[in-house]
Amino acid sequence: MQDLDCLNALLNCFTKLPGVGYKTAERYAYRVVEMSRDEASHFANAIMAVKDQVKFCRTCGNFTTGEQCRICATRTGDTLCVVAYPKEIAVIERCHAFNGTYHVLHGVLSPLNKKGPEQLNIKSLITRLAGGQIREVILALSPDVEGEATANYLAALIKPCGVKVSRLATGIAMGVALEYADELTIGTALRNRTEV
C-alpha cells in the first residue's frame, strides 16, 4: 500500500540492524508510530547526536566524543588488550577484572569479506608497541576461524617486538554441564587446562 511507504521504509531500516529480523523490526516500527511526537523527536535526536558526536579515540580506536576515550585518558600500564570491535571493551569492563588499556582492530581478518591487514587498525598497534611501555598484549579475539587467524597473524607481528603475547582462555563456560558441551569445546578446554 502506497500510503504506508514511510512505515515500510522505517521497518526496512530496522531490519538492517544486527540481530533484528522482520518480526522484531515490525514491532519496533509500530512502536515508533505509537510514540508521542516528543518521544519520536527525542529518539531521532539521540540517533543524530551519536552520528554527529561519536568518533574513534586517536590512541586505541574506542568510541569517544573527545580526542581520547575515558580509558586512555585515565589509565596507564604495561598491559594492552586487543579486541576486534569497540563494543567488546564494554563487555570486558563490566567484569572488572582488567585495568590495562585497549586497542581496537575494527574487525578481523576475513578474506571472504575483503578484510586484510590493511583494513584493520594494525599499524597503530605496532606503533604503540614501539613506544616500549607495553610488556604484554592480550589477544581478546573470538575463538572462531577468523579470530584465530587474526590472533596468529598478530602474534607473529608482535613477538619480534619483545612483547609477551597471550590469549584469553577458551573452553567450557561457567555453569554449563559437561554433558552438554560439544567435542570441540571439551578438546579446547582440555588443551587450555590450568593447575589448581
Foldseek 3Di string as FASTA:
>chain_A
DVVCPVLVVQLVVQCPDPPDHSVNSNVVSVVLVVDDPVVNVVVVVVVVCCVPFWFAAPQAGAIDRDNHHPLVVPDAAQEEEEEAHNVVVVVVVVVVPDNHYYHYFVHFDDVVVPDDSVNTPVVSVVVVLLVPSHAEYEYEYDPDPRSVVRLVVVCVVCVVSNHHYHYDQAADDPPDDPVPDDPVRNVSCVVRDDDD
